[in-house]
Amino acid sequence: MKLIIAYIQPHKLEEVKAALAKAEVGKMSVTNSLGCGAQMGYEESYRGVKFEVNLLKKVRLEIAVNESFVEKTVNTIISAARSGQIGDGKIFIIDLVECIRIRTGERGSVAIG
């Protein structure tokens, strides 16, 4: 079991969700987040006062999958979220030690679904 964490551009969320649904990956958590990476932010001006914006809006997806779905999920996210521009995002894959479905008490890969 793996936990896939992806940070993507907010405007790509609907495209990524649609692509994941088509790939039969429908269970995920979505959170708005702020972060900075290679983009390093940008400078903005408000009423003549300049300020630096270095925490940019991103969307964080968390998807728990069984081993057989890892590559399929990652490739789907990449193909739907990629624009070719700096700031497209990152994907992290973490070993998932345990998963428990609260309703039934099922554990492991059957709990992921």
Protein backbone atom coordinates (compact mmCIF):
# COMPACT_ATOMS: atom_id res chain seq x y z
CA MET A 1 0.00 0.00 0.00
CA LYS A 2 1.19 3.50 -0.82
CA LEU A 3 0.11 7.04 -0.04
CA ILE A 4 0.50 9.33 -3.03
CA ILE A 5 0.72 13.02 -2.19
CA ALA A 6 0.58 15.40 -5.14
CA TYR A 7 0.86 19.18 -5.16
CA ILE A 8 -0.67 20.65 -8.32
CA GLN A 9 -1.80 23.99 -9.71
CA PRO A 10 -5.34 24.87 -8.54
CA HIS A 11 -6.62 25.40 -12.09
CA LYS A 12 -5.61 21.81 -12.96
CA LEU A 13 -7.71 20.19 -10.21
CA GLU A 14 -10.82 19.45 -12.29
CA GLU A 15 -8.73 18.05 -15.13
CA VAL A 16 -6.78 15.81 -12.74
CA LYS A 17 -9.96 14.62 -10.98
CA ALA A 18 -11.58 13.75 -14.32
CA ALA A 19 -8.47 11.87 -15.49
CA LEU A 20 -8.26 9.94 -12.20
CA ALA A 21 -11.95 9.01 -12.41
CA LYS A 22 -11.40 7.74 -15.95
CA ALA A 23 -8.45 5.67 -14.65
CA GLU A 24 -10.76 4.24 -11.95
CA VAL A 25 -9.01 6.04 -9.10
CA GLY A 26 -11.87 7.77 -7.33
CA LYS A 27 -10.93 7.99 -3.66
CA MET A 28 -8.88 11.02 -2.64
CA SER A 29 -8.59 13.89 -0.22
CA VAL A 30 -8.14 17.41 -1.57
CA THR A 31 -6.77 20.33 0.44
CA ASN A 32 -5.84 23.88 -0.49
CA SER A 33 -2.27 24.67 0.48
CA LEU A 34 0.41 27.32 0.16
CA GLY A 35 4.00 26.64 -0.77
CA CYS A 36 7.05 27.68 -2.68
CA GLY A 37 9.50 25.83 -4.85
CA ALA A 38 11.52 26.68 -7.92
CA GLN A 39 9.07 29.48 -8.81
CA MET A 40 10.39 31.50 -5.86
CA GLY A 41 7.27 33.68 -5.88
CA TYR A 42 6.69 37.01 -7.55
CA GLU A 43 6.51 40.71 -6.73
CA GLU A 44 3.20 42.54 -6.58
CA SER A 45 2.09 46.07 -5.88
CA TYR A 46 -0.94 47.23 -3.91
CA ARG A 47 -1.72 50.95 -3.69
CA GLY A 48 1.84 51.74 -4.62
CA VAL A 49 3.39 49.47 -2.01
CA LYS A 50 5.46 46.62 -3.42
CA PHE A 51 5.53 43.29 -1.66
CA GLU A 52 6.84 39.83 -2.40
CA VAL A 53 4.47 36.87 -2.70
CA ASN A 54 6.57 33.76 -2.12
CA LEU A 55 3.89 31.35 -0.88
CA LEU A 56 1.85 30.36 -3.90
CA LYS A 57 -1.53 28.63 -3.99
CA LYS A 58 -1.41 24.89 -4.65
CA VAL A 59 -3.79 21.99 -4.22
CA ARG A 60 -2.71 18.93 -2.26
CA LEU A 61 -4.12 15.56 -3.29
CA GLU A 62 -3.76 12.54 -1.02
CA ILE A 63 -4.57 9.18 -2.58
CA ALA A 64 -4.12 5.81 -0.86
CA VAL A 65 -3.70 2.99 -3.37
CA ASN A 66 -2.69 -0.64 -3.54
CA GLU A 67 0.64 -1.47 -5.21
CA SER A 68 -1.03 -2.34 -8.53
CA PHE A 69 -2.45 1.21 -8.87
CA VAL A 70 0.68 3.25 -8.02
CA GLU A 71 2.12 3.74 -11.52
CA LYS A 72 -1.30 4.18 -13.09
CA THR A 73 -2.20 6.88 -10.55
CA VAL A 74 1.13 8.71 -10.84
CA ASN A 75 1.11 8.67 -14.64
CA THR A 76 -2.48 9.93 -14.71
CA ILE A 77 -1.67 12.84 -12.39
CA ILE A 78 1.41 13.76 -14.43
CA SER A 79 -0.40 13.69 -17.76
CA ALA A 80 -3.34 15.77 -16.47
CA ALA A 81 -1.38 18.29 -14.36
CA ARG A 82 1.60 18.94 -16.63
CA SER A 83 1.73 22.27 -18.47
CA GLY A 84 5.48 22.24 -19.09
CA GLN A 85 5.90 25.43 -17.06
CA ILE A 86 7.76 25.85 -13.81
CA GLY A 87 5.43 25.28 -10.85
CA ASP A 88 3.48 22.29 -12.23
CA GLY A 89 3.95 20.57 -8.87
CA LYS A 90 5.44 17.53 -7.19
CA ILE A 91 4.40 13.97 -6.36
CA PHE A 92 5.57 12.08 -3.28
CA ILE A 93 5.03 8.36 -2.73
CA ILE A 94 5.12 7.08 0.83
CA ASP A 95 4.80 3.55 2.17
CA LEU A 96 1.47 3.14 3.91
CA VAL A 97 1.89 0.92 6.94
CA GLU A 98 -1.78 0.32 7.69
CA CYS A 99 -5.24 1.30 6.53
CA ILE A 100 -8.42 0.70 8.52
CA ARG A 101 -11.96 1.24 7.26
CA ILE A 102 -13.79 2.66 10.26
CA ARG A 103 -17.26 1.45 9.23
CA THR A 104 -16.35 -2.24 8.91
CA GLY A 105 -13.04 -2.56 10.74
CA GLU A 106 -11.42 -4.02 7.59
CA ARG A 107 -7.65 -3.63 7.48
CA GLY A 108 -4.95 -3.49 4.82
CA SER A 109 -5.47 -3.48 1.09
CA VAL A 110 -9.16 -4.44 1.30
CA ALA A 111 -9.79 -1.28 3.35
CA ILE A 112 -8.31 0.89 0.60
CA GLY A 113 -10.71 -0.56 -1.95
